[in-house]
N, C-alpha and C. Protein backbone atom coordinates (compact mmCIF):
# COMPACT_ATOMS: atom_id res chain seq x y z
N UNK A 1 1.09 -1.44 0.13
CA UNK A 1 0.02 -0.52 0.05
C UNK A 1 0.90 1.32 -0.02
N UNK A 2 -0.38 1.94 -0.63
CA UNK A 2 1.00 3.60 -0.48
C UNK A 2 0.87 4.33 0.11
N UNK A 3 1.32 4.94 1.07
CA UNK A 3 1.39 5.97 1.63
C UNK A 3 0.39 7.46 1.05
N UNK A 4 -0.30 7.55 2.23
CA UNK A 4 -1.68 8.74 1.45
C UNK A 4 -1.23 9.52 1.69
N UNK A 5 -1.28 11.23 1.79
CA UNK A 5 -1.41 12.65 1.77
C UNK A 5 -2.39 13.45 1.65
N UNK A 6 -2.36 14.49 1.60
CA UNK A 6 -3.49 14.99 1.34
C UNK A 6 -2.82 16.56 0.54
N UNK A 7 -3.71 16.43 -0.48
CA UNK A 7 -3.46 18.20 -1.02
C UNK A 7 -3.54 18.63 -0.29
N UNK A 8 -2.29 20.42 -0.11
CA UNK A 8 -2.87 21.33 0.08
C UNK A 8 -3.49 22.20 -0.01
N UNK A 9 -3.62 21.65 -2.15
CA UNK A 9 -5.58 22.84 -2.06
C UNK A 9 -6.60 22.59 -1.60
N UNK A 10 -7.06 20.88 -2.15
CA UNK A 10 -8.05 20.94 -2.44
C UNK A 10 -8.55 19.68 -1.06
N UNK A 11 -7.59 18.98 -0.60
CA UNK A 11 -7.70 18.29 1.00
C UNK A 11 -8.16 16.91 0.42
N UNK A 12 -8.08 16.35 -0.23
CA UNK A 12 -7.82 14.98 -1.48
C UNK A 12 -7.08 13.99 -1.09
N UNK A 13 -7.20 12.87 -0.60
CA UNK A 13 -6.84 11.91 -0.77
C UNK A 13 -6.03 11.73 -1.97
N UNK A 14 -3.92 11.82 -1.65
CA UNK A 14 -3.32 11.04 -3.48
C UNK A 14 -2.41 10.79 -1.92
N UNK A 15 -1.70 10.11 -3.74
CA UNK A 15 -0.44 9.11 -2.74
C UNK A 15 0.41 9.81 -3.32
N UNK A 16 1.49 8.97 -2.34
CA UNK A 16 2.93 9.91 -2.32
C UNK A 16 3.71 10.07 -3.46
N UNK A 17 3.80 8.77 -4.22
CA UNK A 17 4.95 9.10 -5.48
C UNK A 17 4.04 10.03 -6.85
N UNK A 18 2.57 10.73 -6.14
CA UNK A 18 2.39 11.97 -7.31
C UNK A 18 3.00 13.35 -7.06
N UNK A 19 3.06 13.49 -8.59
CA UNK A 19 3.80 14.62 -8.58
C UNK A 19 2.60 16.03 -9.16
N UNK A 20 1.34 16.06 -9.17
CA UNK A 20 0.66 16.65 -8.95
C UNK A 20 -0.90 15.72 -8.72
N UNK A 21 -1.78 16.09 -7.67
CA UNK A 21 -3.15 16.55 -7.65
C UNK A 21 -4.03 15.89 -8.84
N UNK A 22 -4.57 14.63 -8.93
CA UNK A 22 -6.08 14.79 -9.69
C UNK A 22 -6.59 14.82 -9.36
N UNK A 23 -6.90 15.04 -8.67
CA UNK A 23 -8.52 16.30 -8.67
C UNK A 23 -7.83 17.64 -9.05
N UNK A 24 -7.27 18.43 -8.63
CA UNK A 24 -7.46 19.98 -8.61
C UNK A 24 -5.89 20.33 -9.45
N UNK A 25 -5.26 19.34 -9.83
CA UNK A 25 -3.73 19.98 -10.68
C UNK A 25 -2.75 20.56 -9.96
N UNK A 26 -3.21 20.47 -8.53
CA UNK A 26 -2.03 21.31 -8.02
C UNK A 26 -0.54 20.67 -7.81
N UNK A 27 0.16 21.49 -8.49
CA UNK A 27 2.14 20.84 -8.49
C UNK A 27 2.43 20.51 -6.99
N UNK A 28 2.90 19.00 -6.75
CA UNK A 28 2.83 18.66 -5.41
C UNK A 28 4.55 18.88 -5.05
N UNK A 29 5.14 19.23 -6.52
CA UNK A 29 6.71 19.12 -6.53
C UNK A 29 7.16 20.56 -6.19
N UNK A 30 6.09 21.35 -6.15
CA UNK A 30 6.85 22.75 -5.55
C UNK A 30 5.70 24.11 -5.60
N UNK A 31 4.96 23.47 -4.58
CA UNK A 31 3.19 24.57 -4.26
C UNK A 31 4.06 25.96 -4.33
N UNK A 32 4.94 26.93 -4.44
CA UNK A 32 5.64 28.15 -4.78
C UNK A 32 5.44 28.68 -5.98
N UNK A 33 5.99 27.30 -6.75
CA UNK A 33 6.07 27.99 -7.95
C UNK A 33 4.30 27.74 -9.21
N UNK A 34 3.67 27.06 -8.39
CA UNK A 34 1.76 26.81 -8.87
C UNK A 34 1.32 27.98 -8.62
N UNK A 35 2.28 29.31 -8.04
CA UNK A 35 1.09 30.07 -7.25
C UNK A 35 1.58 31.73 -8.34
N UNK A 36 2.63 30.77 -8.97
CA UNK A 36 2.54 32.57 -10.18
C UNK A 36 1.41 32.50 -10.96
N UNK A 37 1.48 34.14 -11.05
CA UNK A 37 0.97 34.62 -11.97
C UNK A 37 1.22 35.04 -13.27
N UNK A 38 0.33 34.70 -14.17
CA UNK A 38 1.21 34.08 -15.91
C UNK A 38 0.30 36.18 -16.35
N UNK A 39 0.06 37.13 -15.69
CA UNK A 39 -0.66 38.00 -16.64
C UNK A 39 -2.44 37.74 -17.28
N UNK A 40 -2.14 38.22 -17.71
CA UNK A 40 -3.87 38.14 -18.51
C UNK A 40 -4.04 36.27 -18.59
N UNK A 41 -3.48 35.02 -18.59
CA UNK A 41 -4.10 34.25 -18.62
C UNK A 41 -4.21 33.90 -17.93
N UNK A 42 -4.13 34.68 -16.36
CA UNK A 42 -4.42 33.81 -14.70
C UNK A 42 -3.01 33.64 -14.48
N UNK A 43 -3.31 32.43 -13.38
CA UNK A 43 -2.49 31.49 -13.20
C UNK A 43 -1.57 30.54 -13.93
N UNK A 44 -0.63 29.88 -13.71
CA UNK A 44 -0.28 29.07 -14.31
C UNK A 44 -0.57 27.71 -14.55
N UNK A 45 -1.30 27.47 -15.48
CA UNK A 45 -1.85 26.07 -15.69
C UNK A 45 -1.30 25.44 -16.60
N UNK A 46 -0.59 25.48 -17.39
CA UNK A 46 0.31 24.48 -17.85
C UNK A 46 0.58 23.51 -17.01
N UNK A 47 1.60 23.83 -15.40
CA UNK A 47 1.35 22.60 -14.87
C UNK A 47 0.93 22.03 -13.98
N UNK A 48 -0.53 22.68 -13.89
CA UNK A 48 -1.60 21.98 -12.95
C UNK A 48 -1.68 21.43 -13.98
N UNK A 49 -1.54 20.53 -15.04
CA UNK A 49 -1.88 19.20 -14.67
C UNK A 49 -0.84 17.99 -15.60
N UNK A 50 -1.17 16.94 -15.34
CA UNK A 50 -0.42 15.79 -15.69
C UNK A 50 0.33 16.18 -16.99
N UNK A 51 1.36 15.51 -17.82
CA UNK A 51 1.46 15.26 -18.71
C UNK A 51 1.23 14.31 -19.80
N UNK A 52 0.81 13.74 -20.08
CA UNK A 52 0.05 12.34 -20.70
C UNK A 52 2.19 12.43 -21.43
N UNK A 53 1.67 10.63 -20.65
CA UNK A 53 2.74 9.71 -21.78
C UNK A 53 4.71 10.30 -20.76
N UNK A 54 4.09 11.28 -19.60
CA UNK A 54 5.76 11.27 -19.28
C UNK A 54 6.47 13.30 -20.24
N UNK A 55 5.51 13.10 -20.88
CA UNK A 55 6.33 14.66 -21.51
C UNK A 55 5.19 15.22 -22.70
N UNK A 56 4.10 15.13 -22.59
CA UNK A 56 2.58 15.55 -23.50
C UNK A 56 3.21 15.38 -24.67
N UNK A 57 2.75 14.47 -25.53
CA UNK A 57 3.12 14.74 -26.82
C UNK A 57 4.72 14.85 -27.04
N UNK A 58 5.38 14.41 -25.95
CA UNK A 58 7.38 14.93 -26.33
C UNK A 58 7.46 16.07 -26.53
N UNK A 59 6.16 17.28 -25.68
CA UNK A 59 6.65 18.88 -25.73
C UNK A 59 6.82 18.88 -24.23
N UNK A 60 8.21 18.94 -23.66
CA UNK A 60 8.27 19.50 -22.06
C UNK A 60 7.31 20.20 -21.43
N UNK A 61 7.32 20.52 -20.10
CA UNK A 61 6.59 21.12 -19.57
C UNK A 61 7.57 22.47 -19.53
N UNK A 62 8.60 22.64 -19.45
CA UNK A 62 9.50 24.02 -20.05
C UNK A 62 9.40 24.30 -21.42
N UNK A 63 9.42 23.98 -21.99
CA UNK A 63 9.24 24.49 -23.38
C UNK A 63 8.12 25.20 -23.83
N UNK A 64 6.96 24.51 -22.77
CA UNK A 64 5.87 24.92 -23.05
C UNK A 64 5.43 26.27 -21.71
N UNK A 65 5.89 26.41 -21.11
CA UNK A 65 6.21 27.17 -20.16
C UNK A 65 6.61 28.82 -20.87
N UNK A 66 8.24 28.44 -21.67
CA UNK A 66 8.57 29.89 -22.07
C UNK A 66 7.91 29.77 -23.76
N UNK A 67 7.40 28.56 -24.32
CA UNK A 67 6.19 29.07 -25.56
C UNK A 67 5.18 30.28 -24.73
N UNK A 68 4.78 29.93 -23.22
CA UNK A 68 3.87 30.96 -23.00
C UNK A 68 3.94 31.64 -22.45
N UNK A 69 5.41 32.01 -21.74
CA UNK A 69 5.95 33.37 -21.50
C UNK A 69 5.90 34.40 -22.72
N UNK A 70 6.11 33.85 -23.95
CA UNK A 70 6.19 34.54 -25.32
C UNK A 70 4.95 34.97 -25.70
N UNK A 71 4.31 34.13 -25.25
CA UNK A 71 2.77 34.52 -25.79
C UNK A 71 1.81 35.91 -24.92
N UNK A 72 2.92 35.91 -23.25
CA UNK A 72 2.22 37.14 -22.68
C UNK A 72 3.06 38.14 -22.62
N UNK A 73 4.45 38.14 -23.15
CA UNK A 73 4.99 39.43 -23.18
C UNK A 73 4.71 39.48 -24.71
N UNK A 74 3.83 39.53 -25.80
CA UNK A 74 3.56 39.76 -27.40
C UNK A 74 2.41 40.44 -27.02
N UNK A 75 1.36 39.73 -26.04
CA UNK A 75 -0.20 39.79 -26.01
C UNK A 75 -0.22 41.37 -26.01
N UNK A 76 0.15 42.61 -25.60
CA UNK A 76 0.33 44.26 -25.08
C UNK A 76 -0.30 45.11 -26.91
N UNK A 77 1.23 44.04 -27.48
CA UNK A 77 1.06 45.14 -28.85
C UNK A 77 0.15 44.00 -29.72
N UNK A 78 -0.25 43.30 -29.69
CA UNK A 78 -1.37 42.32 -30.49
C UNK A 78 -2.24 43.51 -29.78
N UNK A 79 -2.47 43.42 -28.81
CA UNK A 79 -3.73 43.79 -28.74
C UNK A 79 -4.29 45.24 -29.14
N UNK A 80 -2.87 46.30 -29.57
CA UNK A 80 -2.59 47.38 -29.49
C UNK A 80 -3.34 47.37 -31.36
N UNK A 81 -2.47 46.36 -31.54
CA UNK A 81 -3.15 46.08 -33.01
C UNK A 81 -4.37 46.09 -33.48
N UNK A 82 -5.18 45.16 -32.79
CA UNK A 82 -6.58 45.12 -32.75
C UNK A 82 -7.22 45.82 -32.35
N UNK A 83 -7.13 47.05 -31.71
CA UNK A 83 -7.16 48.15 -31.38
C UNK A 83 -7.58 48.96 -32.49
N UNK A 84 -6.20 49.41 -32.91
CA UNK A 84 -6.15 49.55 -34.25
C UNK A 84 -7.04 49.96 -35.14
N UNK A 85 -6.52 48.19 -35.64
CA UNK A 85 -7.68 47.82 -36.60
C UNK A 85 -9.08 48.55 -36.27
N UNK A 86 -9.70 48.49 -35.33
CA UNK A 86 -11.29 48.65 -34.88
C UNK A 86 -11.75 49.87 -34.85
N UNK A 87 -10.59 50.74 -34.75
CA UNK A 87 -10.54 51.76 -34.75
C UNK A 87 -10.92 52.12 -35.67
N UNK A 88 -9.53 52.25 -37.15
CA UNK A 88 -9.99 52.25 -38.09
C UNK A 88 -11.17 51.68 -39.20
N UNK A 89 -12.03 50.59 -38.29
CA UNK A 89 -13.23 49.98 -38.84
C UNK A 89 -14.49 51.00 -39.06
N UNK A 90 -15.13 50.98 -40.45
CA UNK A 90 -16.34 51.60 -40.50
C UNK A 90 -17.45 50.68 -40.70
N UNK A 91 -18.56 51.38 -39.80
CA UNK A 91 -20.06 50.37 -39.86
C UNK A 91 -21.14 51.66 -40.87
N UNK A 92 -21.68 50.57 -41.66
CA UNK A 92 -22.25 51.20 -42.54
C UNK A 92 -24.30 50.55 -42.18
N UNK A 93 -25.08 51.05 -42.08
CA UNK A 93 -26.55 50.28 -42.19
C UNK A 93 -25.94 50.27 -43.82
N UNK A 94 -27.33 49.08 -43.57
CA UNK A 94 -27.95 48.58 -44.87
C UNK A 94 -29.17 48.13 -44.40
N UNK A 95 -29.77 47.92 -45.87
CA UNK A 95 -31.55 47.67 -45.46
C UNK A 95 -31.62 45.99 -44.61
N UNK A 96 -30.91 45.40 -45.01
CA UNK A 96 -30.70 44.11 -43.72
C UNK A 96 -29.89 43.51 -42.67
N UNK A 97 -29.61 44.91 -42.60
CA UNK A 97 -28.58 45.18 -41.87
C UNK A 97 -27.44 46.16 -41.52
N UNK A 98 -26.41 45.61 -40.89
CA UNK A 98 -25.23 46.64 -41.09
C UNK A 98 -23.64 46.07 -41.68
N UNK A 99 -22.93 46.55 -42.21
CA UNK A 99 -22.13 46.01 -42.57
C UNK A 99 -20.88 46.71 -42.19
N UNK A 100 -19.54 46.24 -41.49
CA UNK A 100 -18.73 46.69 -40.71
C UNK A 100 -17.77 46.40 -41.83
N UNK A 101 -16.73 47.18 -42.10
CA UNK A 101 -15.91 47.23 -43.35
C UNK A 101 -14.04 46.88 -41.97
N UNK A 102 -13.38 46.39 -41.62
CA UNK A 102 -12.01 46.66 -41.14
C UNK A 102 -11.32 47.21 -42.45
N UNK A 103 -10.23 47.44 -41.26
CA UNK A 103 -8.26 47.75 -41.90
C UNK A 103 -8.90 49.59 -42.27
N UNK A 104 -7.61 49.42 -43.57
CA UNK A 104 -8.01 51.05 -43.60
C UNK A 104 -9.21 51.73 -44.53
N UNK A 105 -9.16 52.32 -43.41
CA UNK A 105 -10.62 53.20 -44.24
C UNK A 105 -10.20 54.71 -44.84
N UNK A 106 -10.35 54.71 -46.31
CA UNK A 106 -10.01 56.03 -47.06
C UNK A 106 -10.28 57.23 -46.54
N UNK A 107 -9.13 58.59 -46.07
CA UNK A 107 -9.62 59.24 -45.68
C UNK A 107 -9.62 60.34 -46.64
N UNK A 108 -11.04 60.98 -46.62
CA UNK A 108 -11.27 62.26 -47.54
C UNK A 108 -10.49 63.04 -46.87
N UNK A 109 -9.97 63.95 -47.96
CA UNK A 109 -8.76 65.05 -47.76
C UNK A 109 -9.64 66.16 -48.01
N UNK A 110 -10.41 66.86 -46.44
CA UNK A 110 -11.60 67.74 -46.97
C UNK A 110 -10.84 68.94 -45.70
N UNK A 111 -11.31 69.60 -45.64
CA UNK A 111 -10.99 71.14 -44.98
C UNK A 111 -12.58 71.26 -43.94
N UNK A 112 -12.27 71.07 -42.46
CA UNK A 112 -13.36 70.93 -41.79
C UNK A 112 -13.04 72.23 -40.28
N UNK A 113 -14.41 73.07 -40.39
CA UNK A 113 -14.40 74.20 -39.97
C UNK A 113 -15.35 73.47 -38.97
N UNK A 114 -15.48 74.60 -38.07
CA UNK A 114 -16.65 75.02 -36.84
C UNK A 114 -17.43 75.94 -37.47
N UNK A 115 -18.28 76.24 -36.62
CA UNK A 115 -19.69 77.22 -36.81
C UNK A 115 -19.29 78.85 -36.97
N UNK A 116 -20.23 79.20 -37.69
CA UNK A 116 -19.82 80.42 -38.06
C UNK A 116 -20.64 81.19 -37.81
N UNK A 117 -21.18 82.32 -38.45
CA UNK A 117 -22.36 83.55 -38.75
C UNK A 117 -22.12 83.85 -39.70
N UNK A 118 -23.19 84.50 -40.20
CA UNK A 118 -24.01 84.58 -42.01
C UNK A 118 -23.69 85.77 -42.64
N UNK A 119 -23.06 86.33 -43.16
CA UNK A 119 -22.50 87.28 -43.59
C UNK A 119 -23.34 87.95 -44.61
N UNK A 120 -23.29 89.37 -44.19
CA UNK A 120 -24.44 90.32 -45.37
C UNK A 120 -24.77 89.78 -46.81
N UNK A 121 -23.20 89.67 -46.91
CA UNK A 121 -22.98 89.18 -49.10
C UNK A 121 -23.41 87.34 -48.70
N UNK A 122 -23.84 87.05 -47.59
CA UNK A 122 -24.15 85.55 -47.65
C UNK A 122 -25.45 85.33 -47.84
N UNK A 123 -26.58 86.43 -47.01
CA UNK A 123 -27.80 86.56 -47.06
C UNK A 123 -28.14 86.70 -48.32
N UNK A 124 -27.55 87.73 -48.60
CA UNK A 124 -28.17 88.16 -50.31
C UNK A 124 -27.74 86.93 -51.44
N UNK A 125 -27.38 86.05 -51.53
CA UNK A 125 -26.91 84.11 -52.39
C UNK A 125 -27.46 84.20 -51.95
N UNK A 126 -28.62 84.04 -51.14
CA UNK A 126 -29.26 83.63 -50.75
C UNK A 126 -31.22 83.87 -51.22
N UNK A 127 -30.67 84.77 -50.62
CA UNK A 127 -32.15 85.95 -51.38
C UNK A 127 -32.84 85.27 -52.45
N UNK A 128 -33.83 85.06 -52.83
CA UNK A 128 -34.47 84.63 -54.24
C UNK A 128 -34.28 83.19 -54.62
N UNK A 129 -33.37 82.91 -53.95
CA UNK A 129 -33.50 80.72 -54.25
C UNK A 129 -33.87 80.26 -53.50
N UNK A 130 -34.87 78.97 -54.68
CA UNK A 130 -35.77 78.07 -53.61
C UNK A 130 -34.88 77.54 -52.44
N UNK A 131 -35.91 76.94 -51.42
CA UNK A 131 -34.92 76.13 -50.31
C UNK A 131 -35.50 74.82 -50.45
N UNK A 132 -34.50 73.71 -50.22
CA UNK A 132 -35.00 72.40 -51.00
C UNK A 132 -34.31 71.66 -49.89
N UNK A 133 -34.90 70.58 -49.61
CA UNK A 133 -34.23 69.58 -48.44
C UNK A 133 -33.34 68.38 -49.19
N UNK A 134 -31.87 68.60 -49.01
CA UNK A 134 -31.14 67.44 -49.63
C UNK A 134 -30.74 66.14 -49.24
N UNK A 135 -30.56 65.52 -50.12
CA UNK A 135 -31.13 63.65 -49.86
C UNK A 135 -30.05 63.65 -48.81
N UNK A 136 -29.93 62.47 -48.14
CA UNK A 136 -29.29 62.53 -47.01
C UNK A 136 -28.81 60.60 -46.79
N UNK A 137 -27.97 60.82 -46.51
CA UNK A 137 -27.29 59.11 -45.79
C UNK A 137 -26.50 59.44 -44.50
N UNK A 138 -26.89 58.33 -43.76
CA UNK A 138 -25.74 58.28 -42.37
C UNK A 138 -24.51 57.75 -42.35
N UNK A 139 -23.86 57.33 -41.83
CA UNK A 139 -22.74 56.27 -41.67
C UNK A 139 -22.72 56.38 -40.34
N UNK A 140 -22.51 55.19 -39.71
CA UNK A 140 -21.36 55.64 -38.08
C UNK A 140 -19.73 54.69 -38.44
N UNK A 141 -19.10 55.63 -37.74
CA UNK A 141 -17.50 54.80 -37.52
C UNK A 141 -17.39 55.18 -36.08
N UNK A 142 -16.34 54.37 -36.18
CA UNK A 142 -16.00 54.14 -34.60
C UNK A 142 -15.84 54.82 -33.64
N UNK A 143 -15.66 56.64 -34.49
CA UNK A 143 -15.72 57.60 -33.44
C UNK A 143 -16.41 58.45 -33.69
N UNK A 144 -17.33 58.61 -34.92
CA UNK A 144 -18.45 59.43 -35.30
C UNK A 144 -18.97 58.87 -35.89
N UNK A 145 -20.00 59.81 -36.13
CA UNK A 145 -21.56 59.82 -37.33
C UNK A 145 -21.91 61.07 -37.94
N UNK A 146 -21.36 60.09 -39.79
CA UNK A 146 -20.72 61.17 -41.06
C UNK A 146 -22.70 61.08 -41.54
N UNK A 147 -23.28 62.44 -41.42
CA UNK A 147 -24.22 62.80 -42.14
C UNK A 147 -23.81 62.90 -43.68
N UNK A 148 -23.64 62.29 -44.64
CA UNK A 148 -23.47 62.91 -46.12
C UNK A 148 -25.02 63.51 -47.09
N UNK A 149 -25.08 64.47 -47.30
CA UNK A 149 -25.85 65.28 -47.38
C UNK A 149 -25.53 65.39 -49.40
N UNK A 150 -26.50 65.02 -50.00
CA UNK A 150 -26.06 65.27 -51.73
C UNK A 150 -26.84 66.82 -51.70
N UNK A 151 -25.90 68.02 -51.88
CA UNK A 151 -26.12 68.77 -52.45
C UNK A 151 -24.99 69.97 -53.56
N UNK A 152 -25.46 68.98 -54.75
CA UNK A 152 -25.26 69.65 -55.91
C UNK A 152 -24.60 71.72 -56.24
N UNK A 153 -23.54 71.75 -56.48
CA UNK A 153 -23.60 73.20 -56.24
C UNK A 153 -23.09 74.20 -55.51
N UNK A 154 -22.57 73.75 -54.06
CA UNK A 154 -22.43 73.82 -53.13
C UNK A 154 -20.34 74.34 -54.01
N UNK A 155 -19.71 75.04 -53.78
CA UNK A 155 -18.58 74.88 -53.86
C UNK A 155 -17.66 75.46 -52.40
N UNK A 156 -17.86 76.11 -51.60
CA UNK A 156 -17.36 76.72 -51.13
C UNK A 156 -17.54 76.27 -49.49
N UNK A 157 -16.85 75.90 -48.57
CA UNK A 157 -17.61 75.55 -47.41
C UNK A 157 -17.38 76.36 -46.55
N UNK A 158 -17.65 77.28 -46.67
CA UNK A 158 -18.18 79.05 -46.05
C UNK A 158 -19.51 79.19 -46.38
N UNK A 159 -20.32 78.44 -47.24
CA UNK A 159 -21.71 78.65 -47.47
C UNK A 159 -22.01 77.94 -46.95
N UNK A 160 -21.74 77.07 -45.52
CA UNK A 160 -22.29 76.04 -45.40
C UNK A 160 -22.41 76.45 -43.87
N UNK A 161 -23.96 76.46 -42.63
CA UNK A 161 -24.18 77.15 -41.91
C UNK A 161 -24.68 76.19 -41.09
N UNK A 162 -24.12 75.83 -39.38
CA UNK A 162 -25.19 74.83 -39.06
C UNK A 162 -25.49 74.98 -37.36
N UNK A 163 -26.53 75.26 -37.41
CA UNK A 163 -27.28 75.63 -36.06
C UNK A 163 -27.69 75.02 -35.29
N UNK A 164 -27.45 74.97 -33.57
CA UNK A 164 -27.38 73.98 -33.09
C UNK A 164 -29.45 74.13 -33.05
N UNK A 165 -30.07 73.30 -32.22
CA UNK A 165 -31.79 73.02 -32.25
C UNK A 165 -31.67 72.39 -30.60
N UNK A 166 -32.98 72.40 -30.59
CA UNK A 166 -33.52 71.91 -28.89
C UNK A 166 -32.99 70.69 -29.45
N UNK A 167 -33.72 70.19 -30.60
CA UNK A 167 -34.19 68.92 -30.53
C UNK A 167 -33.09 68.15 -31.78
N UNK A 168 -31.53 68.97 -32.28
CA UNK A 168 -30.57 68.81 -33.09
C UNK A 168 -29.97 69.70 -33.60
N UNK A 169 -29.93 69.68 -35.33
CA UNK A 169 -29.29 70.66 -36.08
C UNK A 169 -30.15 71.05 -36.90
N UNK A 170 -30.15 72.15 -37.30
CA UNK A 170 -30.42 72.51 -38.93
C UNK A 170 -29.01 72.88 -39.28
N UNK A 171 -29.31 72.37 -40.15
CA UNK A 171 -27.92 72.71 -41.50
C UNK A 171 -28.69 73.69 -42.97
N UNK A 172 -27.97 74.31 -43.33
CA UNK A 172 -28.28 75.53 -44.13
C UNK A 172 -26.74 75.31 -45.32
N UNK A 173 -27.18 75.24 -46.72
CA UNK A 173 -25.90 75.23 -47.69
C UNK A 173 -26.67 76.07 -48.57
N UNK A 174 -25.90 77.22 -49.11
CA UNK A 174 -26.11 77.82 -50.28
C UNK A 174 -25.07 77.34 -51.31
N UNK A 175 -25.99 76.54 -52.81
CA UNK A 175 -25.47 76.40 -53.50
C UNK A 175 -25.58 77.29 -54.42
N UNK A 176 -25.63 76.63 -55.55
CA UNK A 176 -25.76 78.06 -57.09
C UNK A 176 -27.25 78.52 -57.20
N UNK A 177 -28.12 77.36 -57.72
CA UNK A 177 -28.80 77.77 -57.89
C UNK A 177 -30.63 77.21 -56.68
N UNK A 178 -29.46 76.75 -55.61
CA UNK A 178 -31.48 76.66 -54.62
C UNK A 178 -29.81 76.71 -53.00
N UNK A 179 -31.00 76.56 -52.16
CA UNK A 179 -30.15 76.48 -50.85
C UNK A 179 -30.58 75.15 -50.62
N UNK A 180 -30.18 74.82 -49.79
CA UNK A 180 -30.33 73.21 -48.64
C UNK A 180 -30.33 73.64 -47.65
N UNK A 181 -31.66 73.15 -47.29
CA UNK A 181 -32.42 73.14 -45.84
C UNK A 181 -32.70 71.98 -44.57
N UNK A 182 -31.29 71.26 -44.07
CA UNK A 182 -31.79 69.93 -43.69
C UNK A 182 -32.07 70.03 -41.88
N UNK A 183 -32.83 69.55 -41.64
CA UNK A 183 -33.11 68.74 -39.93
C UNK A 183 -32.32 67.90 -39.69
N UNK A 184 -30.95 67.68 -38.71
CA UNK A 184 -30.78 66.88 -38.20
C UNK A 184 -30.88 66.22 -37.32
N UNK A 185 -31.76 64.98 -36.56
CA UNK A 185 -32.50 64.61 -35.53
C UNK A 185 -31.14 63.34 -34.88
N UNK A 186 -30.10 65.11 -34.25
CA UNK A 186 -29.16 64.27 -33.22
C UNK A 186 -28.14 65.33 -32.52
N UNK A 187 -28.09 65.07 -31.12
CA UNK A 187 -27.99 65.80 -30.07
C UNK A 187 -26.65 65.45 -29.74
N UNK A 188 -25.23 64.97 -30.39
CA UNK A 188 -24.19 64.76 -29.87
C UNK A 188 -23.24 66.14 -30.67
N UNK A 189 -22.19 66.03 -29.35
CA UNK A 189 -21.48 67.06 -30.50
C UNK A 189 -20.85 67.31 -31.81
N UNK A 190 -20.81 68.37 -32.74
CA UNK A 190 -20.72 68.64 -33.63
C UNK A 190 -18.37 69.09 -33.54
N UNK A 191 -18.41 68.31 -34.58
CA UNK A 191 -16.96 67.80 -34.96
C UNK A 191 -16.83 68.62 -35.84
N UNK A 192 -17.32 69.21 -37.22
CA UNK A 192 -16.80 69.78 -38.02
C UNK A 192 -18.29 69.11 -39.00
N UNK A 193 -18.02 69.86 -40.09
CA UNK A 193 -18.86 70.06 -41.57
C UNK A 193 -17.38 69.94 -42.70
N UNK A 194 -17.82 69.94 -43.92
CA UNK A 194 -16.99 70.13 -45.18
C UNK A 194 -17.74 69.79 -46.65
N UNK A 195 -16.88 70.23 -47.73
CA UNK A 195 -17.63 69.93 -48.20
C UNK A 195 -16.42 69.40 -49.89
N UNK A 196 -17.35 68.37 -50.45
CA UNK A 196 -16.47 67.42 -51.15
C UNK A 196 -17.25 66.70 -52.65
N UNK A 197 -16.66 67.11 -53.92
CA UNK A 197 -17.54 65.96 -55.11
C UNK A 197 -18.89 66.30 -54.50
N UNK A 198 -19.23 67.78 -54.70
CA UNK A 198 -21.04 68.20 -54.77
C UNK A 198 -21.53 67.72 -53.10
N UNK A 199 -20.99 67.31 -52.75
CA UNK A 199 -21.71 66.45 -50.97
C UNK A 199 -21.50 67.44 -50.15
N UNK A 200 -22.20 67.28 -48.61
CA UNK A 200 -21.80 67.93 -47.70
C UNK A 200 -21.59 66.78 -46.65
N UNK A 201 -20.63 67.13 -45.76
CA UNK A 201 -20.60 65.88 -44.51
C UNK A 201 -20.23 66.83 -43.30
N UNK A 202 -21.55 66.34 -42.38
CA UNK A 202 -21.47 66.99 -41.60
C UNK A 202 -20.88 65.98 -40.57
N UNK A 203 -20.07 66.20 -39.81
CA UNK A 203 -19.59 65.32 -38.74
C UNK A 203 -20.09 65.39 -36.83
N UNK A 204 -20.50 64.24 -35.96
CA UNK A 204 -20.30 64.08 -34.97
C UNK A 204 -19.86 63.08 -33.91
N UNK A 205 -19.52 63.69 -32.85
CA UNK A 205 -18.62 63.00 -31.72
C UNK A 205 -19.16 61.64 -30.88
N UNK A 206 -18.60 60.73 -30.89
CA UNK A 206 -19.19 60.19 -30.45
C UNK A 206 -18.22 59.51 -29.20
N UNK A 207 -17.00 60.69 -28.93
CA UNK A 207 -16.25 60.10 -27.21
C UNK A 207 -15.61 61.86 -27.38
């Protein structure tokens, strides 16, 4: 008969020849080593389980431990890469759900400005022109919401005015033949607006 001892962790009776507790996996050869912390991966569970066939398919626990340590050291850089990729993703609403684009989303080179007042010259440009509502599309990115207004005839970003209302924003844009007036039902902070290829982009921050 083998001498029986108790596991210091789960108190299960075990044989003296065991190096690991068959119930909880406690390292009986070096209990202090079993308490080491491996950061994001928690406790050292490489040595908590007995190795099959005296080496776990021919791979020693020291090799596995070395691989595990390398993985833990590289984890912060991996997480930074995932975070950057997520920040550069683009979420687009479509009729049957949403579509997410990961990777490098092209950034339009455009002038983004803040709110300003209407000058007398601009009031004169608006006079006599019909007021219409521009067709609008909404896109949600990782850090902002973008309203895209189809407004042909707008050539100067200084002819765009965004005013805060009680329940959203009012956008006025002076085109060659029309004045575009749109109400945007959103209460997020305004980041800026710009004109590019006969389209008006109004951006609101999520962060």
